[in-house]
C-alpha atoms as a PDB file:
ATOM      1  CA  MET A   1       0.000   0.000   0.000  1.00  0.00           C
ATOM      2  CA  LYS A   2       1.173   3.496  -0.845  1.00  0.00           C
ATOM      3  CA  LYS A   3      -0.080   6.464   1.173  1.00  0.00           C
ATOM      4  CA  ASN A   4       0.790  10.145   1.382  1.00  0.00           C
ATOM      5  CA  ILE A   5       0.878  11.645   4.866  1.00  0.00           C
ATOM      6  CA  ALA A   6       0.938  15.347   5.715  1.00  0.00           C
ATOM      7  CA  VAL A   7       3.184  15.844   8.746  1.00  0.00           C
ATOM      8  CA  LEU A   8       2.681  18.950  10.897  1.00  0.00           C
ATOM      9  CA  PRO A   9       5.192  18.833  13.788  1.00  0.00           C
ATOM     10  CA  GLY A  10       4.180  22.242  15.183  1.00  0.00           C
ATOM     11  CA  ASP A  11       5.712  23.809  18.275  1.00  0.00           C
ATOM     12  CA  GLY A  12       7.469  22.843  21.493  1.00  0.00           C
ATOM     13  CA  ILE A  13       7.924  19.101  21.780  1.00  0.00           C
ATOM     14  CA  GLY A  14       5.983  18.577  18.556  1.00  0.00           C
ATOM     15  CA  PRO A  15       8.990  17.938  16.298  1.00  0.00           C
ATOM     16  CA  GLU A  16      10.514  15.461  18.776  1.00  0.00           C
ATOM     17  CA  ILE A  17       7.422  13.316  19.278  1.00  0.00           C
ATOM     18  CA  ILE A  18       6.476  13.438  15.614  1.00  0.00           C
ATOM     19  CA  ALA A  19       9.959  12.185  14.679  1.00  0.00           C
ATOM     20  CA  GLN A  20       9.371   9.051  16.757  1.00  0.00           C
ATOM     21  CA  ALA A  21       5.926   8.437  15.261  1.00  0.00           C
ATOM     22  CA  VAL A  22       7.373   8.740  11.763  1.00  0.00           C
ATOM     23  CA  ALA A  23      10.130   6.279  12.707  1.00  0.00           C
ATOM     24  CA  VAL A  24       7.454   3.831  13.846  1.00  0.00           C
ATOM     25  CA  LEU A  25       5.509   4.286  10.609  1.00  0.00           C
ATOM     26  CA  ASP A  26       8.718   3.615   8.674  1.00  0.00           C
ATOM     27  CA  ALA A  27       9.218   0.417  10.700  1.00  0.00           C
ATOM     28  CA  VAL A  28       5.672  -0.660   9.860  1.00  0.00           C
ATOM     29  CA  ALA A  29       6.240   0.104   6.186  1.00  0.00           C
ATOM     30  CA  GLU A  30       9.425  -1.974   6.190  1.00  0.00           C
ATOM     31  CA  ARG A  31       7.857  -4.945   7.976  1.00  0.00           C
ATOM     32  CA  TYR A  32       4.620  -5.092   5.999  1.00  0.00           C
ATOM     33  CA  GLY A  33       5.752  -3.863   2.596  1.00  0.00           C
ATOM     34  CA  HIS A  34       4.019  -0.484   2.486  1.00  0.00           C
ATOM     35  CA  GLU A  35       5.231   2.883   1.238  1.00  0.00           C
ATOM     36  CA  PHE A  36       4.503   6.001   3.276  1.00  0.00           C
ATOM     37  CA  ASN A  37       5.504   9.333   1.782  1.00  0.00           C
ATOM     38  CA  TYR A  38       5.682  12.382   4.031  1.00  0.00           C
ATOM     39  CA  GLU A  39       5.144  16.024   3.186  1.00  0.00           C
ATOM     40  CA  TYR A  40       6.017  18.417   6.008  1.00  0.00           C
ATOM     41  CA  ALA A  41       4.296  21.727   6.725  1.00  0.00           C
ATOM     42  CA  GLN A  42       4.220  24.437   9.386  1.00  0.00           C
ATOM     43  CA  ILE A  43       1.449  25.350  11.805  1.00  0.00           C
ATOM     44  CA  GLY A  44       1.237  27.338  15.021  1.00  0.00           C
ATOM     45  CA  ALA A  45       3.914  29.600  16.457  1.00  0.00           C
ATOM     46  CA  CYS A  46       6.599  28.360  14.076  1.00  0.00           C
ATOM     47  CA  ALA A  47       4.363  29.328  11.151  1.00  0.00           C
ATOM     48  CA  ILE A  48       3.709  32.768  12.649  1.00  0.00           C
ATOM     49  CA  ASP A  49       7.444  33.276  13.014  1.00  0.00           C
ATOM     50  CA  ALA A  50       8.049  32.153   9.440  1.00  0.00           C
ATOM     51  CA  CYS A  51       5.275  33.979   7.584  1.00  0.00           C
ATOM     52  CA  GLY A  52       2.939  35.677  10.067  1.00  0.00           C
ATOM     53  CA  ASP A  53       0.130  33.135   9.569  1.00  0.00           C
ATOM     54  CA  PRO A  54      -0.519  30.263  12.039  1.00  0.00           C
ATOM     55  CA  TYR A  55      -2.114  28.146   9.276  1.00  0.00           C
ATOM     56  CA  PRO A  56      -0.583  29.135   5.932  1.00  0.00           C
ATOM     57  CA  GLN A  57      -2.326  28.377   2.663  1.00  0.00           C
ATOM     58  CA  GLU A  58       0.575  26.125   1.688  1.00  0.00           C
ATOM     59  CA  THR A  59      -0.052  24.014   4.789  1.00  0.00           C
ATOM     60  CA  HIS A  60      -3.730  23.741   3.945  1.00  0.00           C
ATOM     61  CA  GLU A  61      -2.934  22.613   0.410  1.00  0.00           C
ATOM     62  CA  ILE A  62      -0.533  19.954   1.708  1.00  0.00           C
ATOM     63  CA  CYS A  63      -3.242  18.673   4.071  1.00  0.00           C
ATOM     64  CA  MET A  64      -5.847  18.612   1.307  1.00  0.00           C
ATOM     65  CA  ARG A  65      -3.768  16.445  -1.004  1.00  0.00           C
ATOM     66  CA  ALA A  66      -2.706  13.983   1.716  1.00  0.00           C
ATOM     67  CA  ASP A  67      -4.414  10.690   2.535  1.00  0.00           C
ATOM     68  CA  ALA A  68      -4.161  11.527   6.237  1.00  0.00           C
ATOM     69  CA  ILE A  69      -2.557  14.091   8.534  1.00  0.00           C
ATOM     70  CA  LEU A  70      -0.193  13.499  11.465  1.00  0.00           C
ATOM     71  CA  PHE A  71      -0.067  16.478  13.808  1.00  0.00           C
ATOM     72  CA  GLY A  72       2.138  17.251  16.817  1.00  0.00           C
ATOM     73  CA  SER A  73       1.248  20.260  18.963  1.00  0.00           C
ATOM     74  CA  ILE A  74       0.978  24.042  18.925  1.00  0.00           C
ATOM     75  CA  GLY A  75       1.630  26.800  21.432  1.00  0.00           C
ATOM     76  CA  ASP A  76       4.452  29.037  22.607  1.00  0.00           C
ATOM     77  CA  PRO A  77       4.887  31.068  25.824  1.00  0.00           C
ATOM     78  CA  LYS A  78       5.662  34.258  23.931  1.00  0.00           C
ATOM     79  CA  TYR A  79       2.079  34.183  22.647  1.00  0.00           C
ATOM     80  CA  ASP A  80       0.464  32.504  25.653  1.00  0.00           C
ATOM     81  CA  ASN A  81       1.846  35.176  27.977  1.00  0.00           C
ATOM     82  CA  ASP A  82       0.899  38.117  25.760  1.00  0.00           C
ATOM     83  CA  PRO A  83      -2.817  38.945  26.144  1.00  0.00           C
ATOM     84  CA  ALA A  84      -2.472  41.678  23.513  1.00  0.00           C
ATOM     85  CA  ALA A  85      -1.222  39.329  20.777  1.00  0.00           C
ATOM     86  CA  LYS A  86      -3.461  39.665  17.717  1.00  0.00           C
ATOM     87  CA  VAL A  87      -2.252  36.482  16.041  1.00  0.00           C
ATOM     88  CA  ARG A  88      -1.981  33.288  18.109  1.00  0.00           C
ATOM     89  CA  PRO A  89      -0.941  29.693  17.397  1.00  0.00           C
ATOM     90  CA  GLU A  90      -4.356  28.409  18.511  1.00  0.00           C
ATOM     91  CA  GLN A  91      -6.004  30.397  15.732  1.00  0.00           C
ATOM     92  CA  GLY A  92      -4.182  28.176  13.273  1.00  0.00           C
ATOM     93  CA  LEU A  93      -5.420  25.021  14.986  1.00  0.00           C
ATOM     94  CA  LEU A  94      -9.035  26.178  14.971  1.00  0.00           C
ATOM     95  CA  ARG A  95      -8.814  27.334  11.355  1.00  0.00           C
ATOM     96  CA  MET A  96      -7.308  24.019  10.315  1.00  0.00           C
ATOM     97  CA  ARG A  97     -10.128  22.072  11.960  1.00  0.00           C
ATOM     98  CA  LYS A  98     -12.756  24.281  10.363  1.00  0.00           C
ATOM     99  CA  SER A  99     -11.114  24.379   6.926  1.00  0.00           C
ATOM    100  CA  LEU A 100     -10.687  20.612   6.823  1.00  0.00           C
ATOM    101  CA  GLY A 101     -14.171  19.963   8.232  1.00  0.00           C
ATOM    102  CA  LEU A 102     -12.844  17.895  11.145  1.00  0.00           C
ATOM    103  CA  TYR A 103     -16.052  17.796  13.149  1.00  0.00           C
ATOM    104  CA  ALA A 104     -15.594  14.634  15.287  1.00  0.00           C
ATOM    105  CA  ASN A 105     -12.693  14.081  17.671  1.00  0.00           C
ATOM    106  CA  ILE A 106     -12.184  10.596  19.142  1.00  0.00           C
ATOM    107  CA  ARG A 107     -10.126  10.115  22.300  1.00  0.00           C
ATOM    108  CA  PRO A 108      -9.802   6.568  23.699  1.00  0.00           C
ATOM    109  CA  VAL A 109      -9.015   6.021  27.372  1.00  0.00           C
ATOM    110  CA  LYS A 110      -7.851   2.592  28.491  1.00  0.00           C
ATOM    111  CA  PRO A 111      -5.165   2.385  31.214  1.00  0.00           C
ATOM    112  CA  TYR A 112      -2.387  -0.175  31.053  1.00  0.00           C
ATOM    113  CA  ASP A 113      -2.431  -2.735  33.868  1.00  0.00           C
ATOM    114  CA  SER A 114       1.297  -2.261  34.380  1.00  0.00           C
ATOM    115  CA  LEU A 115       0.772   1.480  34.939  1.00  0.00           C
ATOM    116  CA  LEU A 116      -2.125   1.473  37.380  1.00  0.00           C
ATOM    117  CA  ASP A 117       0.195   2.787  40.085  1.00  0.00           C
ATOM    118  CA  ALA A 118       1.088   5.745  37.871  1.00  0.00           C
ATOM    119  CA  SER A 119      -2.432   7.121  38.268  1.00  0.00           C
ATOM    120  CA  PRO A 120      -3.106   9.255  41.348  1.00  0.00           C
ATOM    121  CA  LEU A 121      -6.452   7.451  41.590  1.00  0.00           C
ATOM    122  CA  LYS A 122      -6.822   4.199  43.511  1.00  0.00           C
ATOM    123  CA  ASN A 123      -6.110   1.088  41.472  1.00  0.00           C
ATOM    124  CA  GLU A 124      -9.562  -0.369  42.050  1.00  0.00           C
ATOM    125  CA  ARG A 125     -11.137   2.752  40.570  1.00  0.00           C
ATOM    126  CA  VAL A 126      -8.963   2.784  37.465  1.00  0.00           C
ATOM    127  CA  ALA A 127      -8.559  -0.911  36.630  1.00  0.00           C
ATOM    128  CA  GLY A 128     -10.910  -2.027  33.884  1.00  0.00           C
ATOM    129  CA  SER A 129     -11.702   1.459  32.605  1.00  0.00           C
ATOM    130  CA  ASP A 130     -12.263   1.551  28.858  1.00  0.00           C
ATOM    131  CA  PHE A 131     -14.127   4.430  27.265  1.00  0.00           C
ATOM    132  CA  ILE A 132     -13.875   6.961  24.465  1.00  0.00           C
ATOM    133  CA  VAL A 133     -14.721  10.637  24.355  1.00  0.00           C
ATOM    134  CA  VAL A 134     -16.460  11.746  21.170  1.00  0.00           C
ATOM    135  CA  ARG A 135     -16.068  15.514  21.061  1.00  0.00           C
ATOM    136  CA  GLU A 136     -17.690  17.862  18.571  1.00  0.00           C
ATOM    137  CA  LEU A 137     -14.789  19.840  17.151  1.00  0.00           C
ATOM    138  CA  THR A 138     -15.873  22.667  14.864  1.00  0.00           C
ATOM    139  CA  GLY A 139     -18.725  24.386  16.703  1.00  0.00           C
ATOM    140  CA  GLY A 140     -19.553  25.861  20.079  1.00  0.00           C
ATOM    141  CA  ILE A 141     -17.910  28.657  21.991  1.00  0.00           C
ATOM    142  CA  TYR A 142     -14.522  28.278  20.269  1.00  0.00           C
ATOM    143  CA  PHE A 143     -16.065  29.260  16.936  1.00  0.00           C
ATOM    144  CA  GLY A 144     -19.162  31.289  17.844  1.00  0.00           C
ATOM    145  CA  GLU A 145     -19.641  34.831  16.614  1.00  0.00           C
ATOM    146  CA  PRO A 146     -19.781  37.601  17.655  1.00  0.00           C
ATOM    147  CA  ARG A 147     -16.908  37.635  20.098  1.00  0.00           C
ATOM    148  CA  GLY A 148     -14.730  40.386  21.471  1.00  0.00           C
ATOM    149  CA  ARG A 149     -14.901  43.317  23.906  1.00  0.00           C
ATOM    150  CA  ASP A 150     -17.056  46.369  24.272  1.00  0.00           C
ATOM    151  CA  ALA A 151     -15.799  49.886  23.514  1.00  0.00           C
ATOM    152  CA  SER A 152     -14.449  50.322  27.035  1.00  0.00           C
ATOM    153  CA  GLY A 153     -12.451  47.112  26.891  1.00  0.00           C
ATOM    154  CA  ASN A 154     -13.767  46.153  30.319  1.00  0.00           C
ATOM    155  CA  THR A 155     -16.333  43.619  29.165  1.00  0.00           C
ATOM    156  CA  ALA A 156     -15.556  40.582  27.001  1.00  0.00           C
ATOM    157  CA  PHE A 157     -17.968  38.169  25.346  1.00  0.00           C
ATOM    158  CA  ASP A 158     -17.898  34.844  23.524  1.00  0.00           C
ATOM    159  CA  ASN A 159     -20.886  33.318  21.810  1.00  0.00           C
ATOM    160  CA  CYS A 160     -21.690  29.583  21.991  1.00  0.00           C
ATOM    161  CA  VAL A 161     -23.591  28.525  18.875  1.00  0.00           C
ATOM    162  CA  TYR A 162     -24.713  25.067  17.706  1.00  0.00           C
ATOM    163  CA  SER A 163     -26.946  24.000  14.849  1.00  0.00           C
ATOM    164  CA  ARG A 164     -29.017  20.834  14.786  1.00  0.00           C
ATOM    165  CA  GLU A 165     -26.974  19.570  11.830  1.00  0.00           C
ATOM    166  CA  GLU A 166     -23.677  19.945  13.717  1.00  0.00           C
ATOM    167  CA  ILE A 167     -25.073  17.917  16.604  1.00  0.00           C
ATOM    168  CA  GLU A 168     -26.625  15.244  14.402  1.00  0.00           C
ATOM    169  CA  ARG A 169     -23.472  14.369  12.502  1.00  0.00           C
ATOM    170  CA  VAL A 170     -21.290  13.892  15.587  1.00  0.00           C
ATOM    171  CA  ALA A 171     -24.083  12.070  17.436  1.00  0.00           C
ATOM    172  CA  HIS A 172     -24.172   9.468  14.665  1.00  0.00           C
ATOM    173  CA  VAL A 173     -20.428   8.957  15.130  1.00  0.00           C
ATOM    174  CA  ALA A 174     -20.896   8.343  18.871  1.00  0.00           C
ATOM    175  CA  PHE A 175     -23.762   5.887  18.404  1.00  0.00           C
ATOM    176  CA  GLN A 176     -21.861   3.986  15.728  1.00  0.00           C
ATOM    177  CA  TYR A 177     -18.886   3.611  18.073  1.00  0.00           C
ATOM    178  CA  ALA A 178     -21.253   2.363  20.787  1.00  0.00           C
ATOM    179  CA  LEU A 179     -22.585  -0.310  18.439  1.00  0.00           C
ATOM    180  CA  ARG A 180     -19.033  -1.662  18.112  1.00  0.00           C
ATOM    181  CA  ARG A 181     -18.355  -1.415  21.832  1.00  0.00           C
ATOM    182  CA  ARG A 182     -20.583  -2.038  24.883  1.00  0.00           C
ATOM    183  CA  GLY A 183     -23.613  -0.231  23.530  1.00  0.00           C
ATOM    184  CA  LYS A 184     -23.839   2.767  25.850  1.00  0.00           C
ATOM    185  CA  VAL A 185     -23.702   6.497  25.088  1.00  0.00           C
ATOM    186  CA  THR A 186     -23.560   9.176  27.770  1.00  0.00           C
ATOM    187  CA  LEU A 187     -24.416  12.670  26.572  1.00  0.00           C
ATOM    188  CA  VAL A 188     -22.578  15.229  28.702  1.00  0.00           C
ATOM    189  CA  ASP A 189     -24.029  18.734  28.720  1.00  0.00           C
ATOM    190  CA  LYS A 190     -25.294  21.551  30.938  1.00  0.00           C
ATOM    191  CA  ALA A 191     -28.943  21.432  29.913  1.00  0.00           C
ATOM    192  CA  ASN A 192     -30.114  22.865  33.223  1.00  0.00           C
ATOM    193  CA  VAL A 193     -28.715  26.287  32.284  1.00  0.00           C
ATOM    194  CA  LEU A 194     -27.602  26.359  28.614  1.00  0.00           C
ATOM    195  CA  GLU A 195     -29.945  26.607  25.644  1.00  0.00           C
ATOM    196  CA  THR A 196     -27.366  24.991  23.378  1.00  0.00           C
ATOM    197  CA  SER A 197     -27.276  21.988  25.721  1.00  0.00           C
ATOM    198  CA  ARG A 198     -31.050  21.710  25.527  1.00  0.00           C
ATOM    199  CA  LEU A 199     -30.761  21.535  21.755  1.00  0.00           C
ATOM    200  CA  TRP A 200     -28.140  18.816  22.171  1.00  0.00           C
ATOM    201  CA  ARG A 201     -30.450  16.737  24.375  1.00  0.00           C
ATOM    202  CA  GLU A 202     -33.430  17.183  22.104  1.00  0.00           C
ATOM    203  CA  THR A 203     -31.468  16.251  18.990  1.00  0.00           C
ATOM    204  CA  VAL A 204     -29.596  13.285  20.472  1.00  0.00           C
ATOM    205  CA  LYS A 205     -32.778  11.831  22.002  1.00  0.00           C
ATOM    206  CA  ARG A 206     -34.516  11.996  18.625  1.00  0.00           C
ATOM    207  CA  ILE A 207     -31.616  10.288  16.809  1.00  0.00           C
ATOM    208  CA  HIS A 208     -31.453   7.622  19.504  1.00  0.00           C
ATOM    209  CA  GLN A 209     -35.152   6.826  19.250  1.00  0.00           C
ATOM    210  CA  SER A 210     -35.247   6.759  15.465  1.00  0.00           C
ATOM    211  CA  ASP A 211     -31.925   5.189  14.507  1.00  0.00           C
ATOM    212  CA  TYR A 212     -30.284   3.500  17.515  1.00  0.00           C
ATOM    213  CA  PRO A 213     -32.972   2.149  19.865  1.00  0.00           C
ATOM    214  CA  GLY A 214     -30.745  -0.796  20.790  1.00  0.00           C
ATOM    215  CA  VAL A 215     -28.091   1.494  22.269  1.00  0.00           C
ATOM    216  CA  SER A 216     -28.413   2.625  25.875  1.00  0.00           C
ATOM    217  CA  LEU A 217     -28.485   6.425  26.237  1.00  0.00           C
ATOM    218  CA  ASP A 218     -28.152   8.414  29.429  1.00  0.00           C
ATOM    219  CA  PHE A 219     -27.511  12.063  30.256  1.00  0.00           C
ATOM    220  CA  MET A 220     -25.115  13.743  32.666  1.00  0.00           C
ATOM    221  CA  PHE A 221     -24.313  17.338  33.530  1.00  0.00           C
ATOM    222  CA  VAL A 222     -20.677  18.176  32.853  1.00  0.00           C
ATOM    223  CA  ASP A 223     -19.800  18.925  36.488  1.00  0.00           C
ATOM    224  CA  ASN A 224     -21.172  15.544  37.564  1.00  0.00           C
ATOM    225  CA  ALA A 225     -19.387  13.857  34.650  1.00  0.00           C
ATOM    226  CA  ALA A 226     -16.053  15.339  35.722  1.00  0.00           C
ATOM    227  CA  MET A 227     -16.584  14.015  39.234  1.00  0.00           C
ATOM    228  CA  LYS A 228     -17.672  10.577  38.014  1.00  0.00           C
ATOM    229  CA  MET A 229     -14.755  10.360  35.598  1.00  0.00           C
ATOM    230  CA  VAL A 230     -12.349  10.294  38.527  1.00  0.00           C
ATOM    231  CA  SER A 231     -14.580   8.421  40.993  1.00  0.00           C
ATOM    232  CA  ASN A 232     -16.007   5.662  38.763  1.00  0.00           C
ATOM    233  CA  PRO A 233     -14.555   5.812  35.228  1.00  0.00           C
ATOM    234  CA  LYS A 234     -15.573   2.211  34.533  1.00  0.00           C
ATOM    235  CA  ASP A 235     -19.179   3.374  34.224  1.00  0.00           C
ATOM    236  CA  PHE A 236     -18.497   5.097  30.901  1.00  0.00           C
ATOM    237  CA  ASP A 237     -18.434   3.524  27.451  1.00  0.00           C
ATOM    238  CA  VAL A 238     -18.905   6.335  24.899  1.00  0.00           C
ATOM    239  CA  ILE A 239     -19.040   9.936  26.107  1.00  0.00           C
ATOM    240  CA  LEU A 240     -20.622  12.345  23.614  1.00  0.00           C
ATOM    241  CA  THR A 241     -20.199  16.045  24.259  1.00  0.00           C
ATOM    242  CA  GLU A 242     -19.717  19.503  22.799  1.00  0.00           C
ATOM    243  CA  ASN A 243     -16.447  21.200  21.978  1.00  0.00           C
ATOM    244  CA  MET A 244     -15.353  22.932  25.186  1.00  0.00           C
ATOM    245  CA  PHE A 245     -16.670  20.258  27.551  1.00  0.00           C
ATOM    246  CA  GLY A 246     -14.904  17.607  25.490  1.00  0.00           C
ATOM    247  CA  ASP A 247     -11.675  19.579  25.526  1.00  0.00           C
ATOM    248  CA  ILE A 248     -11.691  19.689  29.317  1.00  0.00           C
ATOM    249  CA  LEU A 249     -12.983  16.191  30.059  1.00  0.00           C
ATOM    250  CA  SER A 250     -10.611  14.422  27.707  1.00  0.00           C
ATOM    251  CA  ASP A 251      -7.665  16.095  29.431  1.00  0.00           C
ATOM    252  CA  VAL A 252      -9.055  15.044  32.812  1.00  0.00           C
ATOM    253  CA  SER A 253      -8.995  11.497  31.491  1.00  0.00           C
ATOM    254  CA  GLY A 254      -5.189  11.676  31.498  1.00  0.00           C
ATOM    255  CA  VAL A 255      -5.410  11.139  35.251  1.00  0.00           C
ATOM    256  CA  ILE A 256      -6.913   7.717  34.613  1.00  0.00           C
ATOM    257  CA  ASN A 257      -4.130   6.604  32.264  1.00  0.00           C
ATOM    258  CA  GLY A 258      -1.456   7.996  34.548  1.00  0.00           C
ATOM    259  CA  SER A 259      -0.211  10.539  32.029  1.00  0.00           C
ATOM    260  CA  ILE A 260      -1.676  12.744  29.342  1.00  0.00           C
ATOM    261  CA  GLY A 261       1.328  11.608  27.299  1.00  0.00           C
ATOM    262  CA  LEU A 262      -0.350   8.238  26.685  1.00  0.00           C
ATOM    263  CA  ILE A 263      -3.622   9.327  25.075  1.00  0.00           C
ATOM    264  CA  PRO A 264      -3.941   9.515  21.278  1.00  0.00           C
ATOM    265  CA  SER A 265      -6.760  11.013  19.267  1.00  0.00           C
ATOM    266  CA  ALA A 266      -8.294  11.069  15.814  1.00  0.00           C
ATOM    267  CA  SER A 267     -10.325  13.834  14.181  1.00  0.00           C
ATOM    268  CA  PHE A 268     -12.652  12.923  11.324  1.00  0.00           C
ATOM    269  CA  GLY A 269     -14.441  14.906   8.650  1.00  0.00           C
ATOM    270  CA  LYS A 270     -16.214  13.991   5.447  1.00  0.00           C
ATOM    271  CA  GLU A 271     -13.021  13.873   3.388  1.00  0.00           C
ATOM    272  CA  ARG A 272     -10.011  14.267   5.703  1.00  0.00           C
ATOM    273  CA  SER A 273      -8.771  12.731   8.949  1.00  0.00           C
ATOM    274  CA  LEU A 274      -6.122  13.989  11.342  1.00  0.00           C
ATOM    275  CA  PHE A 275      -4.285  12.162  14.128  1.00  0.00           C
ATOM    276  CA  GLU A 276      -2.601  13.766  17.122  1.00  0.00           C
ATOM    277  CA  PRO A 277      -1.778  13.316  20.818  1.00  0.00           C
ATOM    278  CA  ILE A 278      -4.172  15.115  23.146  1.00  0.00           C
ATOM    279  CA  HIS A 279      -1.418  16.944  25.024  1.00  0.00           C
ATOM    280  CA  GLY A 280      -0.059  20.384  24.269  1.00  0.00           C
ATOM    281  CA  SER A 281       3.330  21.666  23.160  1.00  0.00           C
ATOM    282  CA  TYR A 282       4.960  21.416  26.646  1.00  0.00           C
ATOM    283  CA  PRO A 283       7.521  24.107  25.797  1.00  0.00           C
ATOM    284  CA  GLN A 284       9.432  23.570  29.054  1.00  0.00           C
ATOM    285  CA  ALA A 285      10.482  20.147  27.768  1.00  0.00           C
ATOM    286  CA  ALA A 286      11.339  21.141  24.208  1.00  0.00           C
ATOM    287  CA  GLY A 287      14.781  19.957  23.155  1.00  0.00           C
ATOM    288  CA  ARG A 288      15.394  18.066  26.408  1.00  0.00           C
ATOM    289  CA  ASP A 289      14.562  14.556  25.146  1.00  0.00           C
ATOM    290  CA  ILE A 290      12.102  13.919  27.984  1.00  0.00           C
ATOM    291  CA  ALA A 291       8.719  14.188  26.235  1.00  0.00           C
ATOM    292  CA  ASN A 292       6.600  11.046  26.071  1.00  0.00           C
ATOM    293  CA  PRO A 293       6.200   9.983  22.401  1.00  0.00           C
ATOM    294  CA  ILE A 294       3.715   7.166  23.046  1.00  0.00           C
ATOM    295  CA  ALA A 295       0.516   9.200  22.596  1.00  0.00           C
ATOM    296  CA  THR A 296       1.795  10.338  19.198  1.00  0.00           C
ATOM    297  CA  ILE A 297       2.844   6.821  18.237  1.00  0.00           C
ATOM    298  CA  LEU A 298      -0.585   5.513  19.245  1.00  0.00           C
ATOM    299  CA  SER A 299      -2.128   8.292  17.168  1.00  0.00           C
ATOM    300  CA  ALA A 300      -0.159   6.917  14.226  1.00  0.00           C
ATOM    301  CA  ALA A 301      -1.639   3.501  15.043  1.00  0.00           C
ATOM    302  CA  MET A 302      -5.114   5.041  14.871  1.00  0.00           C
ATOM    303  CA  MET A 303      -4.145   6.431  11.463  1.00  0.00           C
ATOM    304  CA  LEU A 304      -3.118   3.000  10.242  1.00  0.00           C
ATOM    305  CA  GLU A 305      -6.391   1.444  11.351  1.00  0.00           C
ATOM    306  CA  ASP A 306      -8.991   4.144  10.817  1.00  0.00           C
ATOM    307  CA  ALA A 307      -7.623   5.995   7.788  1.00  0.00           C
ATOM    308  CA  PHE A 308      -5.836   3.194   5.926  1.00  0.00           C
ATOM    309  CA  GLY A 309      -7.713   0.076   7.103  1.00  0.00           C
ATOM    310  CA  LEU A 310      -4.478  -1.593   8.281  1.00  0.00           C
ATOM    311  CA  SER A 311      -5.753  -3.295  11.438  1.00  0.00           C
ATOM    312  CA  GLU A 312      -2.934  -5.829  11.760  1.00  0.00           C
ATOM    313  CA  GLU A 313      -0.287  -3.128  11.434  1.00  0.00           C
ATOM    314  CA  ALA A 314      -2.087  -0.899  13.930  1.00  0.00           C
ATOM    315  CA  GLN A 315      -2.277  -3.745  16.433  1.00  0.00           C
ATOM    316  CA  ALA A 316       1.443  -4.373  16.028  1.00  0.00           C
ATOM    317  CA  VAL A 317       2.132  -0.748  17.005  1.00  0.00           C
ATOM    318  CA  LYS A 318      -0.234  -0.924  19.981  1.00  0.00           C
ATOM    319  CA  ASP A 319       1.325  -4.190  21.129  1.00  0.00           C
ATOM    320  CA  ALA A 320       4.814  -2.703  20.831  1.00  0.00           C
ATOM    321  CA  CYS A 321       3.795   0.300  22.936  1.00  0.00           C
ATOM    322  CA  ALA A 322       2.252  -1.997  25.549  1.00  0.00           C
ATOM    323  CA  LYS A 323       5.423  -4.104  25.702  1.00  0.00           C
ATOM    324  CA  ALA A 324       7.620  -1.037  26.072  1.00  0.00           C
ATOM    325  CA  ILE A 325       5.470   0.127  28.976  1.00  0.00           C
ATOM    326  CA  SER A 326       5.410  -3.301  30.644  1.00  0.00           C
ATOM    327  CA  ASP A 327       9.202  -3.489  30.234  1.00  0.00           C
ATOM    328  CA  GLY A 328       9.558  -0.165  32.033  1.00  0.00           C
ATOM    329  CA  VAL A 329      10.736   1.694  28.932  1.00  0.00           C
ATOM    330  CA  CYS A 330       8.957   4.928  29.701  1.00  0.00           C
ATOM    331  CA  THR A 331       9.790   8.605  29.946  1.00  0.00           C
ATOM    332  CA  GLU A 332       9.934  10.417  33.251  1.00  0.00           C
ATOM    333  CA  ASP A 333       6.281  11.461  33.273  1.00  0.00           C
ATOM    334  CA  ILE A 334       5.523   7.764  33.843  1.00  0.00           C
ATOM    335  CA  ILE A 335       8.597   6.678  35.792  1.00  0.00           C
ATOM    336  CA  PRO A 336      10.232   9.589  37.654  1.00  0.00           C
ATOM    337  CA  GLY A 337      13.970   9.587  37.064  1.00  0.00           C
ATOM    338  CA  SER A 338      13.659   7.215  34.111  1.00  0.00           C
ATOM    339  CA  ARG A 339      16.797   6.762  32.039  1.00  0.00           C
ATOM    340  CA  TYR A 340      14.713   6.511  28.884  1.00  0.00           C
ATOM    341  CA  GLY A 341      14.099   9.668  26.911  1.00  0.00           C
ATOM    342  CA  THR A 342      11.975  10.455  23.901  1.00  0.00           C
ATOM    343  CA  LYS A 343      14.364   8.950  21.353  1.00  0.00           C
ATOM    344  CA  ALA A 344      15.185   5.828  23.362  1.00  0.00           C
ATOM    345  CA  THR A 345      11.528   5.072  24.006  1.00  0.00           C
ATOM    346  CA  GLY A 346      10.669   5.518  20.341  1.00  0.00           C
ATOM    347  CA  GLN A 347      13.607   3.375  19.240  1.00  0.00           C
ATOM    348  CA  TYR A 348      12.598   0.591  21.630  1.00  0.00           C
ATOM    349  CA  ILE A 349       9.145   0.495  20.039  1.00  0.00           C
ATOM    350  CA  VAL A 350      10.658   0.551  16.539  1.00  0.00           C
ATOM    351  CA  ASP A 351      12.911  -2.396  17.409  1.00  0.00           C
ATOM    352  CA  ILE A 352       9.947  -4.433  18.687  1.00  0.00           C
ATOM    353  CA  ILE A 353       8.027  -3.840  15.463  1.00  0.00           C
ATOM    354  CA  LYS A 354      11.003  -4.802  13.304  1.00  0.00           C
ATOM    355  CA  ALA A 355      11.825  -7.940  15.323  1.00  0.00           C
END
């Protein structure tokens, strides 16, 4: 099989973790007789520095002609710490998602048995957890208009907007995942106070009744969901939620796995798919060879399976990551003081795949 992959390393630790994921993809190509061609492009702070645009047209064109996109991270303190900055790395991320129509983000959470002690939660709470967060990605408060400040500059406003169509398309994704899993969807919202959440409930209930009556559907307010995620995560199967709630909850789920550096994600649209770790650019670790590459490598495994239909190859990557973890080949976010850095961890996984 021959596939073209757009590679967007981004900022901070992005180039380091992406390099390891590409090395793993090369190992898969060598073992199974595939050909993966990579076309690199800039996004985020590095793109602003290079051309003043966090998502240049050239980057968009590279993404559009690729079979799938592998993305690292964006963000830089010089923009994060400057409230007056007019152009920000995050603007590029949001524009990319909107331009590529990436409306459904999938984040699986399943802790490794050998890492239960790495979670700050009690083992009996974490063991056996296995759920995914299906997050709507191109609507809600991150994209709503109008936004800004009044003439005085003392009052700011953001507008949360959702259409029935936006909710319907991501709801179908969640229900279809539930059909392949344990058959349960939990809609997380704030319908007691938000009109957009009421539209979510109304729309999801209708789709459930008409198209997926065999799937169990329940509802949970986001504050209760956050509490339950850390008190009884095993109760979840598929969590369906809007953009901002999904952003927050999926990061909370890093507590269950023991590190946010272990959680991959996939973003799907009608024509394009993008794969990335859920963590940020971690600028404090950039260039220090301490960043955990496993979430990015597992994102590459999701690419192999979901974008290219290569289930055996994807499983080989997942098995290699699991073996590395069980062998104690982990970065310091998992094992404090670990002698294994980003490159050594990635190389260990590559060697397992090639063996």
